[in-house]
Amino acid sequence: MPQLDTSTWFITIMSMIMTLFIMFQLKISKHLYPSNPESKSTTTPKQLSPWEKKWTKIYSPLSLPQQ
């Protein structure tokens, strides 16, 4: 039974690792990142609704007088 020749394994594995590294670097470099994500404001000004300007009372059905 012939012996397995492993003399080229090192260069094959190293070239594969280098190729994967370069491919990932190229893929990552094409990705667009936001320039400054902290500059965006997420707060909105509060707008008063008509029902917030005056006092209202909510009656539950159980507290209404019996008919």
PDB file of N, CA and C in Angstrom:
ATOM      1  N   MET A   1       0.850  -1.176   0.000  1.00  0.00           N
ATOM      2  CA  MET A   1       0.000   0.000   0.000  1.00  0.00           C
ATOM      3  C   MET A   1       0.898   1.243   0.000  1.00  0.00           C
ATOM      4  N   PRO A   2       0.704   2.183  -0.913  1.00  0.00           N
ATOM      5  CA  PRO A   2       1.604   3.349  -0.978  1.00  0.00           C
ATOM      6  C   PRO A   2       1.348   4.329   0.167  1.00  0.00           C
ATOM      7  N   GLN A   3       2.387   5.010   0.519  1.00  0.00           N
ATOM      8  CA  GLN A   3       2.301   6.004   1.598  1.00  0.00           C
ATOM      9  C   GLN A   3       1.700   7.296   1.047  1.00  0.00           C
ATOM     10  N   LEU A   4       0.929   7.974   1.903  1.00  0.00           N
ATOM     11  CA  LEU A   4       0.287   9.222   1.492  1.00  0.00           C
ATOM     12  C   LEU A   4       1.314  10.351   1.499  1.00  0.00           C
ATOM     13  N   ASP A   5       1.408  11.074   0.402  1.00  0.00           N
ATOM     14  CA  ASP A   5       2.377  12.156   0.285  1.00  0.00           C
ATOM     15  C   ASP A   5       1.778  13.429   0.898  1.00  0.00           C
ATOM     16  N   THR A   6       2.357  13.879   1.995  1.00  0.00           N
ATOM     17  CA  THR A   6       1.839  15.061   2.691  1.00  0.00           C
ATOM     18  C   THR A   6       2.752  16.263   2.514  1.00  0.00           C
ATOM     19  N   SER A   7       3.655  16.231   1.586  1.00  0.00           N
ATOM     20  CA  SER A   7       4.616  17.329   1.433  1.00  0.00           C
ATOM     21  C   SER A   7       3.954  18.616   0.934  1.00  0.00           C
ATOM     22  N   THR A   8       2.845  18.541   0.238  1.00  0.00           N
ATOM     23  CA  THR A   8       2.203  19.746  -0.289  1.00  0.00           C
ATOM     24  C   THR A   8       1.063  20.240   0.600  1.00  0.00           C
ATOM     25  N   TRP A   9       0.784  19.551   1.675  1.00  0.00           N
ATOM     26  CA  TRP A   9      -0.331  19.951   2.530  1.00  0.00           C
ATOM     27  C   TRP A   9      -0.129  21.331   3.155  1.00  0.00           C
ATOM     28  N   PHE A  10       1.089  21.605   3.588  1.00  0.00           N
ATOM     29  CA  PHE A  10       1.342  22.871   4.268  1.00  0.00           C
ATOM     30  C   PHE A  10       1.057  24.055   3.346  1.00  0.00           C
ATOM     31  N   ILE A  11       1.596  24.029   2.157  1.00  0.00           N
ATOM     32  CA  ILE A  11       1.397  25.149   1.231  1.00  0.00           C
ATOM     33  C   ILE A  11      -0.058  25.244   0.787  1.00  0.00           C
ATOM     34  N   THR A  12      -0.741  24.126   0.681  1.00  0.00           N
ATOM     35  CA  THR A  12      -2.159  24.144   0.305  1.00  0.00           C
ATOM     36  C   THR A  12      -3.005  24.776   1.412  1.00  0.00           C
ATOM     37  N   ILE A  13      -2.758  24.378   2.638  1.00  0.00           N
ATOM     38  CA  ILE A  13      -3.517  24.919   3.777  1.00  0.00           C
ATOM     39  C   ILE A  13      -3.213  26.400   3.962  1.00  0.00           C
ATOM     40  N   MET A  14      -1.954  26.790   3.838  1.00  0.00           N
ATOM     41  CA  MET A  14      -1.596  28.196   4.013  1.00  0.00           C
ATOM     42  C   MET A  14      -2.190  29.068   2.907  1.00  0.00           C
ATOM     43  N   SER A  15      -2.179  28.590   1.701  1.00  0.00           N
ATOM     44  CA  SER A  15      -2.770  29.383   0.618  1.00  0.00           C
ATOM     45  C   SER A  15      -4.288  29.484   0.772  1.00  0.00           C
ATOM     46  N   MET A  16      -4.912  28.431   1.278  1.00  0.00           N
ATOM     47  CA  MET A  16      -6.348  28.478   1.515  1.00  0.00           C
ATOM     48  C   MET A  16      -6.680  29.500   2.610  1.00  0.00           C
ATOM     49  N   ILE A  17      -5.906  29.530   3.668  1.00  0.00           N
ATOM     50  CA  ILE A  17      -6.138  30.482   4.760  1.00  0.00           C
ATOM     51  C   ILE A  17      -5.928  31.912   4.260  1.00  0.00           C
ATOM     52  N   MET A  18      -4.904  32.131   3.478  1.00  0.00           N
ATOM     53  CA  MET A  18      -4.651  33.468   2.936  1.00  0.00           C
ATOM     54  C   MET A  18      -5.782  33.909   2.002  1.00  0.00           C
ATOM     55  N   THR A  19      -6.266  33.002   1.194  1.00  0.00           N
ATOM     56  CA  THR A  19      -7.362  33.329   0.279  1.00  0.00           C
ATOM     57  C   THR A  19      -8.624  33.683   1.047  1.00  0.00           C
ATOM     58  N   LEU A  20      -8.940  32.908   2.073  1.00  0.00           N
ATOM     59  CA  LEU A  20     -10.116  33.210   2.886  1.00  0.00           C
ATOM     60  C   LEU A  20      -9.980  34.558   3.584  1.00  0.00           C
ATOM     61  N   PHE A  21      -8.796  34.834   4.087  1.00  0.00           N
ATOM     62  CA  PHE A  21      -8.567  36.106   4.761  1.00  0.00           C
ATOM     63  C   PHE A  21      -8.771  37.275   3.793  1.00  0.00           C
ATOM     64  N   ILE A  22      -8.212  37.174   2.604  1.00  0.00           N
ATOM     65  CA  ILE A  22      -8.350  38.243   1.612  1.00  0.00           C
ATOM     66  C   ILE A  22      -9.802  38.401   1.180  1.00  0.00           C
ATOM     67  N   MET A  23     -10.488  37.297   1.004  1.00  0.00           N
ATOM     68  CA  MET A  23     -11.898  37.370   0.598  1.00  0.00           C
ATOM     69  C   MET A  23     -12.749  38.067   1.670  1.00  0.00           C
ATOM     70  N   PHE A  24     -12.512  37.722   2.929  1.00  0.00           N
ATOM     71  CA  PHE A  24     -13.261  38.364   4.012  1.00  0.00           C
ATOM     72  C   PHE A  24     -12.914  39.848   4.125  1.00  0.00           C
ATOM     73  N   GLN A  25     -11.650  40.193   3.925  1.00  0.00           N
ATOM     74  CA  GLN A  25     -11.259  41.598   3.976  1.00  0.00           C
ATOM     75  C   GLN A  25     -11.941  42.393   2.873  1.00  0.00           C
ATOM     76  N   LEU A  26     -12.014  41.842   1.697  1.00  0.00           N
ATOM     77  CA  LEU A  26     -12.679  42.528   0.594  1.00  0.00           C
ATOM     78  C   LEU A  26     -14.173  42.658   0.845  1.00  0.00           C
ATOM     79  N   LYS A  27     -14.758  41.622   1.417  1.00  0.00           N
ATOM     80  CA  LYS A  27     -16.195  41.669   1.701  1.00  0.00           C
ATOM     81  C   LYS A  27     -16.501  42.718   2.766  1.00  0.00           C
ATOM     82  N   ILE A  28     -15.684  42.785   3.789  1.00  0.00           N
ATOM     83  CA  ILE A  28     -15.906  43.743   4.870  1.00  0.00           C
ATOM     84  C   ILE A  28     -15.642  45.171   4.390  1.00  0.00           C
ATOM     85  N   SER A  29     -14.655  45.357   3.525  1.00  0.00           N
ATOM     86  CA  SER A  29     -14.320  46.710   3.082  1.00  0.00           C
ATOM     87  C   SER A  29     -15.415  47.317   2.210  1.00  0.00           C
ATOM     88  N   LYS A  30     -16.254  46.506   1.596  1.00  0.00           N
ATOM     89  CA  LYS A  30     -17.335  47.026   0.760  1.00  0.00           C
ATOM     90  C   LYS A  30     -18.571  47.394   1.570  1.00  0.00           C
ATOM     91  N   HIS A  31     -18.585  47.056   2.834  1.00  0.00           N
ATOM     92  CA  HIS A  31     -19.737  47.342   3.681  1.00  0.00           C
ATOM     93  C   HIS A  31     -19.705  48.807   4.093  1.00  0.00           C
ATOM     94  N   LEU A  32     -20.856  49.493   3.998  1.00  0.00           N
ATOM     95  CA  LEU A  32     -20.931  50.900   4.370  1.00  0.00           C
ATOM     96  C   LEU A  32     -21.408  51.035   5.820  1.00  0.00           C
ATOM     97  N   TYR A  33     -20.591  51.677   6.622  1.00  0.00           N
ATOM     98  CA  TYR A  33     -20.938  51.911   8.011  1.00  0.00           C
ATOM     99  C   TYR A  33     -21.422  53.353   8.177  1.00  0.00           C
ATOM    100  N   PRO A  34     -22.329  53.592   9.126  1.00  0.00           N
ATOM    101  CA  PRO A  34     -22.751  54.985   9.360  1.00  0.00           C
ATOM    102  C   PRO A  34     -21.590  55.799   9.929  1.00  0.00           C
ATOM    103  N   SER A  35     -21.522  57.057   9.548  1.00  0.00           N
ATOM    104  CA  SER A  35     -20.378  57.877   9.961  1.00  0.00           C
ATOM    105  C   SER A  35     -20.398  58.172  11.458  1.00  0.00           C
ATOM    106  N   ASN A  36     -21.571  58.569  11.988  1.00  0.00           N
ATOM    107  CA  ASN A  36     -21.647  58.883  13.411  1.00  0.00           C
ATOM    108  C   ASN A  36     -23.032  58.493  13.913  1.00  0.00           C
ATOM    109  N   PRO A  37     -23.200  57.286  14.452  1.00  0.00           N
ATOM    110  CA  PRO A  37     -24.539  56.866  14.863  1.00  0.00           C
ATOM    111  C   PRO A  37     -25.084  57.612  16.078  1.00  0.00           C
ATOM    112  N   GLU A  38     -24.218  58.249  16.879  1.00  0.00           N
ATOM    113  CA  GLU A  38     -24.703  58.939  18.075  1.00  0.00           C
ATOM    114  C   GLU A  38     -25.334  60.287  17.751  1.00  0.00           C
ATOM    115  N   SER A  39     -25.147  60.810  16.561  1.00  0.00           N
ATOM    116  CA  SER A  39     -25.642  62.146  16.268  1.00  0.00           C
ATOM    117  C   SER A  39     -27.143  62.194  16.017  1.00  0.00           C
ATOM    118  N   LYS A  40     -27.764  61.070  15.760  1.00  0.00           N
ATOM    119  CA  LYS A  40     -29.193  61.071  15.485  1.00  0.00           C
ATOM    120  C   LYS A  40     -29.993  61.202  16.786  1.00  0.00           C
ATOM    121  N   SER A  41     -30.994  62.039  16.736  1.00  0.00           N
ATOM    122  CA  SER A  41     -31.841  62.254  17.903  1.00  0.00           C
ATOM    123  C   SER A  41     -33.093  61.391  17.777  1.00  0.00           C
ATOM    124  N   THR A  42     -33.420  60.680  18.835  1.00  0.00           N
ATOM    125  CA  THR A  42     -34.597  59.809  18.804  1.00  0.00           C
ATOM    126  C   THR A  42     -35.775  60.392  19.570  1.00  0.00           C
ATOM    127  N   THR A  43     -35.580  61.542  20.206  1.00  0.00           N
ATOM    128  CA  THR A  43     -36.680  62.139  20.966  1.00  0.00           C
ATOM    129  C   THR A  43     -37.571  62.948  20.037  1.00  0.00           C
ATOM    130  N   THR A  44     -38.867  62.835  20.260  1.00  0.00           N
ATOM    131  CA  THR A  44     -39.833  63.601  19.478  1.00  0.00           C
ATOM    132  C   THR A  44     -40.512  64.601  20.400  1.00  0.00           C
ATOM    133  N   PRO A  45     -40.835  65.769  19.895  1.00  0.00           N
ATOM    134  CA  PRO A  45     -41.515  66.743  20.764  1.00  0.00           C
ATOM    135  C   PRO A  45     -42.918  66.254  21.125  1.00  0.00           C
ATOM    136  N   LYS A  46     -43.270  66.475  22.380  1.00  0.00           N
ATOM    137  CA  LYS A  46     -44.567  66.003  22.862  1.00  0.00           C
ATOM    138  C   LYS A  46     -45.667  66.954  22.409  1.00  0.00           C
ATOM    139  N   GLN A  47     -46.692  66.380  21.781  1.00  0.00           N
ATOM    140  CA  GLN A  47     -47.821  67.175  21.334  1.00  0.00           C
ATOM    141  C   GLN A  47     -49.013  66.866  22.236  1.00  0.00           C
ATOM    142  N   LEU A  48     -49.619  67.930  22.724  1.00  0.00           N
ATOM    143  CA  LEU A  48     -50.762  67.738  23.605  1.00  0.00           C
ATOM    144  C   LEU A  48     -52.013  67.436  22.790  1.00  0.00           C
ATOM    145  N   SER A  49     -52.714  66.425  23.216  1.00  0.00           N
ATOM    146  CA  SER A  49     -53.982  66.079  22.574  1.00  0.00           C
ATOM    147  C   SER A  49     -55.107  66.819  23.288  1.00  0.00           C
ATOM    148  N   PRO A  50     -56.238  66.981  22.637  1.00  0.00           N
ATOM    149  CA  PRO A  50     -57.344  67.719  23.293  1.00  0.00           C
ATOM    150  C   PRO A  50     -57.768  67.099  24.613  1.00  0.00           C
ATOM    151  N   TRP A  51     -57.722  65.777  24.723  1.00  0.00           N
ATOM    152  CA  TRP A  51     -58.156  65.155  25.966  1.00  0.00           C
ATOM    153  C   TRP A  51     -57.099  65.254  27.063  1.00  0.00           C
ATOM    154  N   GLU A  52     -55.890  65.668  26.735  1.00  0.00           N
ATOM    155  CA  GLU A  52     -54.876  65.851  27.764  1.00  0.00           C
ATOM    156  C   GLU A  52     -54.919  67.257  28.364  1.00  0.00           C
ATOM    157  N   LYS A  53     -55.619  68.178  27.721  1.00  0.00           N
ATOM    158  CA  LYS A  53     -55.679  69.556  28.206  1.00  0.00           C
ATOM    159  C   LYS A  53     -56.676  69.725  29.341  1.00  0.00           C
ATOM    160  N   LYS A  54     -57.677  68.891  29.395  1.00  0.00           N
ATOM    161  CA  LYS A  54     -58.694  69.039  30.418  1.00  0.00           C
ATOM    162  C   LYS A  54     -58.816  67.756  31.240  1.00  0.00           C
ATOM    163  N   TRP A  55     -59.388  67.902  32.415  1.00  0.00           N
ATOM    164  CA  TRP A  55     -59.539  66.768  33.313  1.00  0.00           C
ATOM    165  C   TRP A  55     -60.762  65.969  32.911  1.00  0.00           C
ATOM    166  N   THR A  56     -60.596  64.681  32.811  1.00  0.00           N
ATOM    167  CA  THR A  56     -61.735  63.810  32.510  1.00  0.00           C
ATOM    168  C   THR A  56     -61.776  62.691  33.530  1.00  0.00           C
ATOM    169  N   LYS A  57     -62.974  62.194  33.756  1.00  0.00           N
ATOM    170  CA  LYS A  57     -63.140  61.084  34.688  1.00  0.00           C
ATOM    171  C   LYS A  57     -63.728  59.913  33.921  1.00  0.00           C
ATOM    172  N   ILE A  58     -63.136  58.744  34.136  1.00  0.00           N
ATOM    173  CA  ILE A  58     -63.617  57.535  33.465  1.00  0.00           C
ATOM    174  C   ILE A  58     -64.415  56.737  34.492  1.00  0.00           C
ATOM    175  N   TYR A  59     -65.643  56.424  34.131  1.00  0.00           N
ATOM    176  CA  TYR A  59     -66.514  55.668  35.030  1.00  0.00           C
ATOM    177  C   TYR A  59     -66.476  54.202  34.636  1.00  0.00           C
ATOM    178  N   SER A  60     -66.284  53.383  35.606  1.00  0.00           N
ATOM    179  CA  SER A  60     -66.347  51.953  35.334  1.00  0.00           C
ATOM    180  C   SER A  60     -67.809  51.530  35.335  1.00  0.00           C
ATOM    181  N   PRO A  61     -68.187  50.508  34.593  1.00  0.00           N
ATOM    182  CA  PRO A  61     -69.595  50.091  34.526  1.00  0.00           C
ATOM    183  C   PRO A  61     -70.152  49.690  35.890  1.00  0.00           C
ATOM    184  N   LEU A  62     -69.312  49.198  36.773  1.00  0.00           N
ATOM    185  CA  LEU A  62     -69.829  48.749  38.071  1.00  0.00           C
ATOM    186  C   LEU A  62     -70.162  49.921  39.002  1.00  0.00           C
ATOM    187  N   SER A  63     -69.547  51.090  38.764  1.00  0.00           N
ATOM    188  CA  SER A  63     -69.820  52.215  39.648  1.00  0.00           C
ATOM    189  C   SER A  63     -70.986  53.091  39.192  1.00  0.00           C
ATOM    190  N   LEU A  64     -71.544  52.789  38.018  1.00  0.00           N
ATOM    191  CA  LEU A  64     -72.695  53.561  37.547  1.00  0.00           C
ATOM    192  C   LEU A  64     -73.940  53.196  38.364  1.00  0.00           C
ATOM    193  N   PRO A  65     -74.862  54.129  38.496  1.00  0.00           N
ATOM    194  CA  PRO A  65     -76.092  53.827  39.262  1.00  0.00           C
ATOM    195  C   PRO A  65     -76.930  52.749  38.578  1.00  0.00           C
ATOM    196  N   GLN A  66     -77.628  52.001  39.410  1.00  0.00           N
ATOM    197  CA  GLN A  66     -78.481  50.928  38.867  1.00  0.00           C
ATOM    198  C   GLN A  66     -79.706  51.539  38.187  1.00  0.00           C
ATOM    199  N   GLN A  67     -80.123  50.939  37.121  1.00  0.00           N
ATOM    200  CA  GLN A  67     -81.310  51.447  36.405  1.00  0.00           C
ATOM    201  C   GLN A  67     -82.515  50.614  36.700  1.00  0.00           C
TER     202      GLN A  67
END
